[in-house]
Amino acid sequence: MRRLLGTGVFCILIASTVVYSQAPHIAPNLGTDAPRLFEKGVAALSGVGPSRDEQQALTCFQRAAELGYAPAQTVLGYFYETGTIVTSDPGQALDWYKKAGKQNDR
């Protein structure tokens, strides 16, 4: 199950990279549009724009997740589960996965 979920998140990120390959540079003002924040996080993580910026990606994903956006919650769960970008924290991973699951995010 975990491997399947990790593969799914990876596929989402790759697909999003293709879709958003023309995205503008990440703006410092994040705002409250959770889907757009998620897009900015994908763009920053995939290296779209001037450079790859993992910290900016994490900030965007966290903000979108805090706003209740299930795909961002799933990505954060994956990051905490695997130790990608952040220090591995199974408790945090479970919390984010549960939040996404309550919204029927697979």
PDB file of N, CA and C in Angstrom:
ATOM      1  N   MET A   1       0.832  -1.189   0.000  1.00  0.00           N
ATOM      2  CA  MET A   1       0.000   0.000   0.000  1.00  0.00           C
ATOM      3  C   MET A   1       0.875   1.250   0.000  1.00  0.00           C
ATOM      4  N   ARG A   2       1.886   1.265   0.867  1.00  0.00           N
ATOM      5  CA  ARG A   2       2.750   2.433   0.972  1.00  0.00           C
ATOM      6  C   ARG A   2       3.488   2.659  -0.341  1.00  0.00           C
ATOM      7  N   ARG A   3       3.978   1.549  -0.931  1.00  0.00           N
ATOM      8  CA  ARG A   3       4.694   1.669  -2.206  1.00  0.00           C
ATOM      9  C   ARG A   3       3.760   2.201  -3.287  1.00  0.00           C
ATOM     10  N   LEU A   4       2.519   1.722  -3.301  1.00  0.00           N
ATOM     11  CA  LEU A   4       1.543   2.176  -4.272  1.00  0.00           C
ATOM     12  C   LEU A   4       1.263   3.661  -4.090  1.00  0.00           C
ATOM     13  N   LEU A   5       1.112   4.097  -2.845  1.00  0.00           N
ATOM     14  CA  LEU A   5       0.860   5.503  -2.565  1.00  0.00           C
ATOM     15  C   LEU A   5       2.042   6.350  -3.000  1.00  0.00           C
ATOM     16  N   GLY A   6       3.254   5.902  -2.686  1.00  0.00           N
ATOM     17  CA  GLY A   6       4.448   6.638  -3.095  1.00  0.00           C
ATOM     18  C   GLY A   6       4.543   6.751  -4.603  1.00  0.00           C
ATOM     19  N   THR A   7       4.225   5.685  -5.290  1.00  0.00           N
ATOM     20  CA  THR A   7       4.236   5.693  -6.748  1.00  0.00           C
ATOM     21  C   THR A   7       3.185   6.650  -7.278  1.00  0.00           C
ATOM     22  N   GLY A   8       2.020   6.668  -6.644  1.00  0.00           N
ATOM     23  CA  GLY A   8       0.948   7.568  -7.061  1.00  0.00           C
ATOM     24  C   GLY A   8       1.332   9.027  -6.900  1.00  0.00           C
ATOM     25  N   VAL A   9       1.944   9.369  -5.769  1.00  0.00           N
ATOM     26  CA  VAL A   9       2.381  10.750  -5.540  1.00  0.00           C
ATOM     27  C   VAL A   9       3.434  11.125  -6.562  1.00  0.00           C
ATOM     28  N   PHE A  10       4.361  10.216  -6.825  1.00  0.00           N
ATOM     29  CA  PHE A  10       5.400  10.476  -7.809  1.00  0.00           C
ATOM     30  C   PHE A  10       4.776  10.732  -9.186  1.00  0.00           C
ATOM     31  N   CYS A  11       3.799   9.930  -9.567  1.00  0.00           N
ATOM     32  CA  CYS A  11       3.133  10.098 -10.863  1.00  0.00           C
ATOM     33  C   CYS A  11       2.408  11.433 -10.937  1.00  0.00           C
ATOM     34  N   ILE A  12       1.760  11.830  -9.837  1.00  0.00           N
ATOM     35  CA  ILE A  12       1.074  13.117  -9.790  1.00  0.00           C
ATOM     36  C   ILE A  12       2.076  14.241 -10.003  1.00  0.00           C
ATOM     37  N   LEU A  13       3.213  14.161  -9.326  1.00  0.00           N
ATOM     38  CA  LEU A  13       4.219  15.210  -9.464  1.00  0.00           C
ATOM     39  C   LEU A  13       4.776  15.267 -10.879  1.00  0.00           C
ATOM     40  N   ILE A  14       5.010  14.128 -11.486  1.00  0.00           N
ATOM     41  CA  ILE A  14       5.529  14.104 -12.851  1.00  0.00           C
ATOM     42  C   ILE A  14       4.489  14.667 -13.822  1.00  0.00           C
ATOM     43  N   ALA A  15       3.243  14.236 -13.680  1.00  0.00           N
ATOM     44  CA  ALA A  15       2.184  14.741 -14.562  1.00  0.00           C
ATOM     45  C   ALA A  15       2.002  16.239 -14.390  1.00  0.00           C
ATOM     46  N   SER A  16       2.053  16.690 -13.164  1.00  0.00           N
ATOM     47  CA  SER A  16       1.902  18.115 -12.903  1.00  0.00           C
ATOM     48  C   SER A  16       3.053  18.909 -13.485  1.00  0.00           C
ATOM     49  N   THR A  17       4.233  18.309 -13.506  1.00  0.00           N
ATOM     50  CA  THR A  17       5.397  18.970 -14.085  1.00  0.00           C
ATOM     51  C   THR A  17       5.148  19.270 -15.559  1.00  0.00           C
ATOM     52  N   VAL A  18       4.593  18.302 -16.259  1.00  0.00           N
ATOM     53  CA  VAL A  18       4.316  18.494 -17.679  1.00  0.00           C
ATOM     54  C   VAL A  18       3.258  19.569 -17.881  1.00  0.00           C
ATOM     55  N   VAL A  19       2.200  19.506 -17.099  1.00  0.00           N
ATOM     56  CA  VAL A  19       1.099  20.458 -17.228  1.00  0.00           C
ATOM     57  C   VAL A  19       1.541  21.870 -16.903  1.00  0.00           C
ATOM     58  N   TYR A  20       2.360  22.018 -15.895  1.00  0.00           N
ATOM     59  CA  TYR A  20       2.729  23.350 -15.432  1.00  0.00           C
ATOM     60  C   TYR A  20       4.141  23.761 -15.834  1.00  0.00           C
ATOM     61  N   SER A  21       4.645  23.201 -16.909  1.00  0.00           N
ATOM     62  CA  SER A  21       6.018  23.502 -17.309  1.00  0.00           C
ATOM     63  C   SER A  21       6.218  24.952 -17.730  1.00  0.00           C
ATOM     64  N   GLN A  22       5.147  25.656 -17.998  1.00  0.00           N
ATOM     65  CA  GLN A  22       5.245  27.057 -18.372  1.00  0.00           C
ATOM     66  C   GLN A  22       4.861  27.989 -17.219  1.00  0.00           C
ATOM     67  N   ALA A  23       4.788  27.469 -16.005  1.00  0.00           N
ATOM     68  CA  ALA A  23       4.372  28.277 -14.846  1.00  0.00           C
ATOM     69  C   ALA A  23       5.391  29.377 -14.559  1.00  0.00           C
ATOM     70  N   PRO A  24       4.908  30.549 -14.121  1.00  0.00           N
ATOM     71  CA  PRO A  24       5.817  31.635 -13.782  1.00  0.00           C
ATOM     72  C   PRO A  24       6.561  31.345 -12.491  1.00  0.00           C
ATOM     73  N   HIS A  25       7.586  32.142 -12.218  1.00  0.00           N
ATOM     74  CA  HIS A  25       8.362  31.987 -10.995  1.00  0.00           C
ATOM     75  C   HIS A  25       7.452  32.121  -9.763  1.00  0.00           C
ATOM     76  N   ILE A  26       7.802  31.437  -8.686  1.00  0.00           N
ATOM     77  CA  ILE A  26       7.028  31.446  -7.450  1.00  0.00           C
ATOM     78  C   ILE A  26       7.045  32.840  -6.831  1.00  0.00           C
ATOM     79  N   ALA A  27       5.873  33.383  -6.601  1.00  0.00           N
ATOM     80  CA  ALA A  27       5.765  34.705  -5.981  1.00  0.00           C
ATOM     81  C   ALA A  27       5.878  34.576  -4.466  1.00  0.00           C
ATOM     82  N   PRO A  28       6.482  35.568  -3.816  1.00  0.00           N
ATOM     83  CA  PRO A  28       6.637  35.495  -2.365  1.00  0.00           C
ATOM     84  C   PRO A  28       5.303  35.530  -1.615  1.00  0.00           C
ATOM     85  N   ASN A  29       4.289  36.212  -2.147  1.00  0.00           N
ATOM     86  CA  ASN A  29       2.987  36.282  -1.492  1.00  0.00           C
ATOM     87  C   ASN A  29       2.187  35.041  -1.854  1.00  0.00           C
ATOM     88  N   LEU A  30       1.951  34.176  -0.886  1.00  0.00           N
ATOM     89  CA  LEU A  30       1.334  32.892  -1.175  1.00  0.00           C
ATOM     90  C   LEU A  30      -0.167  32.953  -1.390  1.00  0.00           C
ATOM     91  N   GLY A  31      -0.872  33.799  -0.674  1.00  0.00           N
ATOM     92  CA  GLY A  31      -2.308  33.888  -0.849  1.00  0.00           C
ATOM     93  C   GLY A  31      -3.057  32.714  -0.251  1.00  0.00           C
ATOM     94  N   THR A  32      -4.313  32.543  -0.691  1.00  0.00           N
ATOM     95  CA  THR A  32      -5.177  31.517  -0.114  1.00  0.00           C
ATOM     96  C   THR A  32      -5.817  30.606  -1.156  1.00  0.00           C
ATOM     97  N   ASP A  33      -5.330  30.616  -2.366  1.00  0.00           N
ATOM     98  CA  ASP A  33      -5.845  29.745  -3.419  1.00  0.00           C
ATOM     99  C   ASP A  33      -5.073  28.421  -3.351  1.00  0.00           C
ATOM    100  N   ALA A  34      -5.644  27.461  -2.624  1.00  0.00           N
ATOM    101  CA  ALA A  34      -4.944  26.204  -2.351  1.00  0.00           C
ATOM    102  C   ALA A  34      -4.527  25.451  -3.619  1.00  0.00           C
ATOM    103  N   PRO A  35      -5.397  25.296  -4.627  1.00  0.00           N
ATOM    104  CA  PRO A  35      -4.946  24.597  -5.837  1.00  0.00           C
ATOM    105  C   PRO A  35      -3.781  25.320  -6.521  1.00  0.00           C
ATOM    106  N   ARG A  36      -3.813  26.627  -6.532  1.00  0.00           N
ATOM    107  CA  ARG A  36      -2.711  27.392  -7.140  1.00  0.00           C
ATOM    108  C   ARG A  36      -1.430  27.234  -6.326  1.00  0.00           C
ATOM    109  N   LEU A  37      -1.549  27.219  -5.008  1.00  0.00           N
ATOM    110  CA  LEU A  37      -0.380  26.993  -4.158  1.00  0.00           C
ATOM    111  C   LEU A  37       0.231  25.629  -4.449  1.00  0.00           C
ATOM    112  N   PHE A  38      -0.630  24.643  -4.620  1.00  0.00           N
ATOM    113  CA  PHE A  38      -0.154  23.299  -4.951  1.00  0.00           C
ATOM    114  C   PHE A  38       0.618  23.332  -6.268  1.00  0.00           C
ATOM    115  N   GLU A  39       0.066  24.030  -7.270  1.00  0.00           N
ATOM    116  CA  GLU A  39       0.737  24.162  -8.561  1.00  0.00           C
ATOM    117  C   GLU A  39       2.104  24.829  -8.393  1.00  0.00           C
ATOM    118  N   LYS A  40       2.162  25.857  -7.573  1.00  0.00           N
ATOM    119  CA  LYS A  40       3.433  26.552  -7.334  1.00  0.00           C
ATOM    120  C   LYS A  40       4.437  25.616  -6.662  1.00  0.00           C
ATOM    121  N   GLY A  41       3.938  24.789  -5.736  1.00  0.00           N
ATOM    122  CA  GLY A  41       4.812  23.820  -5.077  1.00  0.00           C
ATOM    123  C   GLY A  41       5.380  22.817  -6.062  1.00  0.00           C
ATOM    124  N   VAL A  42       4.533  22.327  -6.967  1.00  0.00           N
ATOM    125  CA  VAL A  42       4.994  21.384  -7.999  1.00  0.00           C
ATOM    126  C   VAL A  42       6.020  22.055  -8.893  1.00  0.00           C
ATOM    127  N   ALA A  43       5.748  23.290  -9.282  1.00  0.00           N
ATOM    128  CA  ALA A  43       6.684  24.015 -10.148  1.00  0.00           C
ATOM    129  C   ALA A  43       8.033  24.204  -9.458  1.00  0.00           C
ATOM    130  N   ALA A  44       8.016  24.583  -8.191  1.00  0.00           N
ATOM    131  CA  ALA A  44       9.263  24.793  -7.453  1.00  0.00           C
ATOM    132  C   ALA A  44      10.019  23.483  -7.277  1.00  0.00           C
ATOM    133  N   LEU A  45       9.312  22.397  -7.027  1.00  0.00           N
ATOM    134  CA  LEU A  45       9.941  21.100  -6.821  1.00  0.00           C
ATOM    135  C   LEU A  45      10.515  20.532  -8.116  1.00  0.00           C
ATOM    136  N   SER A  46       9.849  20.800  -9.214  1.00  0.00           N
ATOM    137  CA  SER A  46      10.291  20.230 -10.488  1.00  0.00           C
ATOM    138  C   SER A  46      11.353  21.069 -11.186  1.00  0.00           C
ATOM    139  N   GLY A  47      11.660  22.225 -10.624  1.00  0.00           N
ATOM    140  CA  GLY A  47      12.706  23.044 -11.211  1.00  0.00           C
ATOM    141  C   GLY A  47      12.223  23.978 -12.286  1.00  0.00           C
ATOM    142  N   VAL A  48      10.916  24.187 -12.396  1.00  0.00           N
ATOM    143  CA  VAL A  48      10.372  25.111 -13.368  1.00  0.00           C
ATOM    144  C   VAL A  48      10.726  26.527 -12.942  1.00  0.00           C
ATOM    145  N   GLY A  49      11.105  27.353 -13.881  1.00  0.00           N
ATOM    146  CA  GLY A  49      11.505  28.716 -13.544  1.00  0.00           C
ATOM    147  C   GLY A  49      13.008  28.796 -13.372  1.00  0.00           C
ATOM    148  N   PRO A  50      13.473  29.809 -12.688  1.00  0.00           N
ATOM    149  CA  PRO A  50      14.921  30.026 -12.561  1.00  0.00           C
ATOM    150  C   PRO A  50      15.675  28.867 -11.920  1.00  0.00           C
ATOM    151  N   SER A  51      15.074  28.203 -10.951  1.00  0.00           N
ATOM    152  CA  SER A  51      15.786  27.089 -10.323  1.00  0.00           C
ATOM    153  C   SER A  51      14.840  26.242  -9.484  1.00  0.00           C
ATOM    154  N   ARG A  52      15.320  25.054  -9.180  1.00  0.00           N
ATOM    155  CA  ARG A  52      14.570  24.164  -8.281  1.00  0.00           C
ATOM    156  C   ARG A  52      14.692  24.723  -6.872  1.00  0.00           C
ATOM    157  N   ASP A  53      13.572  24.805  -6.161  1.00  0.00           N
ATOM    158  CA  ASP A  53      13.585  25.376  -4.823  1.00  0.00           C
ATOM    159  C   ASP A  53      12.728  24.508  -3.900  1.00  0.00           C
ATOM    160  N   GLU A  54      13.376  23.532  -3.260  1.00  0.00           N
ATOM    161  CA  GLU A  54      12.653  22.599  -2.394  1.00  0.00           C
ATOM    162  C   GLU A  54      11.996  23.301  -1.215  1.00  0.00           C
ATOM    163  N   GLN A  55      12.647  24.313  -0.667  1.00  0.00           N
ATOM    164  CA  GLN A  55      12.089  25.016   0.484  1.00  0.00           C
ATOM    165  C   GLN A  55      10.823  25.768   0.094  1.00  0.00           C
ATOM    166  N   GLN A  56      10.837  26.404  -1.078  1.00  0.00           N
ATOM    167  CA  GLN A  56       9.643  27.105  -1.562  1.00  0.00           C
ATOM    168  C   GLN A  56       8.526  26.106  -1.843  1.00  0.00           C
ATOM    169  N   ALA A  57       8.887  24.953  -2.413  1.00  0.00           N
ATOM    170  CA  ALA A  57       7.898  23.912  -2.682  1.00  0.00           C
ATOM    171  C   ALA A  57       7.252  23.454  -1.386  1.00  0.00           C
ATOM    172  N   LEU A  58       8.062  23.194  -0.387  1.00  0.00           N
ATOM    173  CA  LEU A  58       7.541  22.761   0.904  1.00  0.00           C
ATOM    174  C   LEU A  58       6.611  23.811   1.496  1.00  0.00           C
ATOM    175  N   THR A  59       7.008  25.065   1.427  1.00  0.00           N
ATOM    176  CA  THR A  59       6.179  26.155   1.955  1.00  0.00           C
ATOM    177  C   THR A  59       4.828  26.200   1.253  1.00  0.00           C
ATOM    178  N   CYS A  60       4.836  26.067  -0.063  1.00  0.00           N
ATOM    179  CA  CYS A  60       3.583  26.093  -0.828  1.00  0.00           C
ATOM    180  C   CYS A  60       2.703  24.887  -0.498  1.00  0.00           C
ATOM    181  N   PHE A  61       3.307  23.693  -0.433  1.00  0.00           N
ATOM    182  CA  PHE A  61       2.532  22.500  -0.093  1.00  0.00           C
ATOM    183  C   PHE A  61       1.947  22.601   1.308  1.00  0.00           C
ATOM    184  N   GLN A  62       2.738  23.103   2.256  1.00  0.00           N
ATOM    185  CA  GLN A  62       2.248  23.243   3.627  1.00  0.00           C
ATOM    186  C   GLN A  62       1.068  24.205   3.697  1.00  0.00           C
ATOM    187  N   ARG A  63       1.182  25.335   3.023  1.00  0.00           N
ATOM    188  CA  ARG A  63       0.104  26.324   3.048  1.00  0.00           C
ATOM    189  C   ARG A  63      -1.161  25.754   2.417  1.00  0.00           C
ATOM    190  N   ALA A  64      -1.020  25.086   1.271  1.00  0.00           N
ATOM    191  CA  ALA A  64      -2.179  24.478   0.612  1.00  0.00           C
ATOM    192  C   ALA A  64      -2.805  23.402   1.496  1.00  0.00           C
ATOM    193  N   ALA A  65      -1.966  22.612   2.161  1.00  0.00           N
ATOM    194  CA  ALA A  65      -2.471  21.556   3.046  1.00  0.00           C
ATOM    195  C   ALA A  65      -3.203  22.154   4.244  1.00  0.00           C
ATOM    196  N   GLU A  66      -2.652  23.212   4.796  1.00  0.00           N
ATOM    197  CA  GLU A  66      -3.302  23.877   5.930  1.00  0.00           C
ATOM    198  C   GLU A  66      -4.647  24.476   5.526  1.00  0.00           C
ATOM    199  N   LEU A  67      -4.778  24.846   4.260  1.00  0.00           N
ATOM    200  CA  LEU A  67      -6.044  25.374   3.748  1.00  0.00           C
ATOM    201  C   LEU A  67      -7.038  24.256   3.438  1.00  0.00           C
ATOM    202  N   GLY A  68      -6.620  23.004   3.644  1.00  0.00           N
ATOM    203  CA  GLY A  68      -7.513  21.868   3.475  1.00  0.00           C
ATOM    204  C   GLY A  68      -7.477  21.207   2.112  1.00  0.00           C
ATOM    205  N   TYR A  69      -6.451  21.471   1.320  1.00  0.00           N
ATOM    206  CA  TYR A  69      -6.359  20.897  -0.014  1.00  0.00           C
ATOM    207  C   TYR A  69      -5.782  19.484   0.079  1.00  0.00           C
ATOM    208  N   ALA A  70      -6.624  18.488  -0.189  1.00  0.00           N
ATOM    209  CA  ALA A  70      -6.262  17.084   0.015  1.00  0.00           C
ATOM    210  C   ALA A  70      -5.020  16.636  -0.760  1.00  0.00           C
ATOM    211  N   PRO A  71      -4.841  17.004  -2.034  1.00  0.00           N
ATOM    212  CA  PRO A  71      -3.614  16.560  -2.724  1.00  0.00           C
ATOM    213  C   PRO A  71      -2.338  17.061  -2.031  1.00  0.00           C
ATOM    214  N   ALA A  72      -2.371  18.267  -1.509  1.00  0.00           N
ATOM    215  CA  ALA A  72      -1.205  18.792  -0.789  1.00  0.00           C
ATOM    216  C   ALA A  72      -1.013  18.044   0.527  1.00  0.00           C
ATOM    217  N   GLN A  73      -2.100  17.671   1.176  1.00  0.00           N
ATOM    218  CA  GLN A  73      -2.003  16.901   2.422  1.00  0.00           C
ATOM    219  C   GLN A  73      -1.366  15.543   2.152  1.00  0.00           C
ATOM    220  N   THR A  74      -1.733  14.929   1.031  1.00  0.00           N
ATOM    221  CA  THR A  74      -1.152  13.638   0.664  1.00  0.00           C
ATOM    222  C   THR A  74       0.338  13.771   0.364  1.00  0.00           C
ATOM    223  N   VAL A  75       0.708  14.817  -0.349  1.00  0.00           N
ATOM    224  CA  VAL A  75       2.125  15.034  -0.653  1.00  0.00           C
ATOM    225  C   VAL A  75       2.915  15.250   0.631  1.00  0.00           C
ATOM    226  N   LEU A  76       2.377  16.050   1.549  1.00  0.00           N
ATOM    227  CA  LEU A  76       3.078  16.259   2.825  1.00  0.00           C
ATOM    228  C   LEU A  76       3.191  14.952   3.598  1.00  0.00           C
ATOM    229  N   GLY A  77       2.142  14.145   3.576  1.00  0.00           N
ATOM    230  CA  GLY A  77       2.218  12.839   4.219  1.00  0.00           C
ATOM    231  C   GLY A  77       3.350  12.011   3.643  1.00  0.00           C
ATOM    232  N   TYR A  78       3.469  12.030   2.335  1.00  0.00           N
ATOM    233  CA  TYR A  78       4.544  11.299   1.660  1.00  0.00           C
ATOM    234  C   TYR A  78       5.915  11.850   2.054  1.00  0.00           C
ATOM    235  N   PHE A  79       6.042  13.174   2.079  1.00  0.00           N
ATOM    236  CA  PHE A  79       7.316  13.781   2.464  1.00  0.00           C
ATOM    237  C   PHE A  79       7.720  13.354   3.873  1.00  0.00           C
ATOM    238  N   TYR A  80       6.776  13.411   4.813  1.00  0.00           N
ATOM    239  CA  TYR A  80       7.088  13.033   6.193  1.00  0.00           C
ATOM    240  C   TYR A  80       7.315  11.532   6.329  1.00  0.00           C
ATOM    241  N   GLU A  81       6.616  10.743   5.536  1.00  0.00           N
ATOM    242  CA  GLU A  81       6.803   9.293   5.598  1.00  0.00           C
ATOM    243  C   GLU A  81       8.191   8.894   5.099  1.00  0.00           C
ATOM    244  N   THR A  82       8.617   9.501   4.018  1.00  0.00           N
ATOM    245  CA  THR A  82       9.865   9.096   3.364  1.00  0.00           C
ATOM    246  C   THR A  82      11.077   9.926   3.766  1.00  0.00           C
ATOM    247  N   GLY A  83      10.846  11.033   4.440  1.00  0.00           N
ATOM    248  CA  GLY A  83      11.958  11.913   4.783  1.00  0.00           C
ATOM    249  C   GLY A  83      12.423  12.747   3.599  1.00  0.00           C
ATOM    250  N   THR A  84      11.548  12.947   2.634  1.00  0.00           N
ATOM    251  CA  THR A  84      11.849  13.763   1.464  1.00  0.00           C
ATOM    252  C   THR A  84      11.660  15.229   1.831  1.00  0.00           C
ATOM    253  N   ILE A  85      12.693  16.027   1.683  1.00  0.00           N
ATOM    254  CA  ILE A  85      12.720  17.465   1.969  1.00  0.00           C
ATOM    255  C   ILE A  85      12.660  17.760   3.474  1.00  0.00           C
ATOM    256  N   VAL A  86      11.901  16.984   4.225  1.00  0.00           N
ATOM    257  CA  VAL A  86      11.770  17.179   5.672  1.00  0.00           C
ATOM    258  C   VAL A  86      12.347  15.966   6.404  1.00  0.00           C
ATOM    259  N   THR A  87      12.550  16.113   7.692  1.00  0.00           N
ATOM    260  CA  THR A  87      12.976  14.986   8.511  1.00  0.00           C
ATOM    261  C   THR A  87      11.820  14.002   8.632  1.00  0.00           C
ATOM    262  N   SER A  88      12.119  12.734   8.474  1.00  0.00           N
ATOM    263  CA  SER A  88      11.087  11.707   8.568  1.00  0.00           C
ATOM    264  C   SER A  88      10.359  11.793   9.907  1.00  0.00           C
ATOM    265  N   ASP A  89       9.030  11.768   9.848  1.00  0.00           N
ATOM    266  CA  ASP A  89       8.207  11.846  11.049  1.00  0.00           C
ATOM    267  C   ASP A  89       6.916  11.069  10.784  1.00  0.00           C
ATOM    268  N   PRO A  90       6.901   9.770  11.152  1.00  0.00           N
ATOM    269  CA  PRO A  90       5.729   8.942  10.882  1.00  0.00           C
ATOM    270  C   PRO A  90       4.434   9.492  11.469  1.00  0.00           C
ATOM    271  N   GLY A  91       4.508  10.139  12.622  1.00  0.00           N
ATOM    272  CA  GLY A  91       3.314  10.723  13.232  1.00  0.00           C
ATOM    273  C   GLY A  91       2.730  11.834  12.384  1.00  0.00           C
ATOM    274  N   GLN A  92       3.601  12.718  11.887  1.00  0.00           N
ATOM    275  CA  GLN A  92       3.149  13.801  10.997  1.00  0.00           C
ATOM    276  C   GLN A  92       2.590  13.219   9.707  1.00  0.00           C
ATOM    277  N   ALA A  93       3.270  12.205   9.186  1.00  0.00           N
ATOM    278  CA  ALA A  93       2.802  11.568   7.951  1.00  0.00           C
ATOM    279  C   ALA A  93       1.391  11.034   8.141  1.00  0.00           C
ATOM    280  N   LEU A  94       1.174  10.336   9.230  1.00  0.00           N
ATOM    281  CA  LEU A  94      -0.144   9.775   9.504  1.00  0.00           C
ATOM    282  C   LEU A  94      -1.199  10.861   9.635  1.00  0.00           C
ATOM    283  N   ASP A  95      -0.858  11.947  10.317  1.00  0.00           N
ATOM    284  CA  ASP A  95      -1.804  13.061  10.478  1.00  0.00           C
ATOM    285  C   ASP A  95      -2.231  13.627   9.123  1.00  0.00           C
ATOM    286  N   TRP A  96      -1.250  13.851   8.235  1.00  0.00           N
ATOM    287  CA  TRP A  96      -1.581  14.415   6.918  1.00  0.00           C
ATOM    288  C   TRP A  96      -2.362  13.422   6.075  1.00  0.00           C
ATOM    289  N   TYR A  97      -1.979  12.137   6.128  1.00  0.00           N
ATOM    290  CA  TYR A  97      -2.723  11.119   5.376  1.00  0.00           C
ATOM    291  C   TYR A  97      -4.170  11.024   5.870  1.00  0.00           C
ATOM    292  N   LYS A  98      -4.373  11.113   7.175  1.00  0.00           N
ATOM    293  CA  LYS A  98      -5.732  11.051   7.727  1.00  0.00           C
ATOM    294  C   LYS A  98      -6.570  12.233   7.253  1.00  0.00           C
ATOM    295  N   LYS A  99      -5.979  13.416   7.254  1.00  0.00           N
ATOM    296  CA  LYS A  99      -6.701  14.610   6.802  1.00  0.00           C
ATOM    297  C   LYS A  99      -7.120  14.455   5.340  1.00  0.00           C
ATOM    298  N   ALA A 100      -6.221  13.963   4.527  1.00  0.00           N
ATOM    299  CA  ALA A 100      -6.547  13.740   3.111  1.00  0.00           C
ATOM    300  C   ALA A 100      -7.588  12.645   2.969  1.00  0.00           C
ATOM    301  N   GLY A 101      -7.450  11.593   3.768  1.00  0.00           N
ATOM    302  CA  GLY A 101      -8.392  10.477   3.713  1.00  0.00           C
ATOM    303  C   GLY A 101      -9.798  10.862   4.089  1.00  0.00           C
ATOM    304  N   LYS A 102      -9.937  11.786   5.022  1.00  0.00           N
ATOM    305  CA  LYS A 102     -11.267  12.266   5.417  1.00  0.00           C
ATOM    306  C   LYS A 102     -11.981  12.978   4.275  1.00  0.00           C
ATOM    307  N   GLN A 103     -11.195  13.379   3.277  1.00  0.00           N
ATOM    308  CA  GLN A 103     -11.771  14.042   2.103  1.00  0.00           C
ATOM    309  C   GLN A 103     -11.841  13.082   0.911  1.00  0.00           C
ATOM    310  N   ASN A 104     -11.701  11.784   1.216  1.00  0.00           N
ATOM    311  CA  ASN A 104     -11.742  10.729   0.209  1.00  0.00           C
ATOM    312  C   ASN A 104     -10.631  10.833  -0.829  1.00  0.00           C
ATOM    313  N   ASP A 105      -9.493  11.395  -0.431  1.00  0.00           N
ATOM    314  CA  ASP A 105      -8.348  11.445  -1.324  1.00  0.00           C
ATOM    315  C   ASP A 105      -7.631  10.105  -1.254  1.00  0.00           C
ATOM    316  N   ARG A 106      -7.508   9.429  -2.371  1.00  0.00           N
ATOM    317  CA  ARG A 106      -6.889   8.107  -2.394  1.00  0.00           C
ATOM    318  C   ARG A 106      -5.411   8.207  -2.225  1.00  0.00           C
TER     319      ARG A 106
END
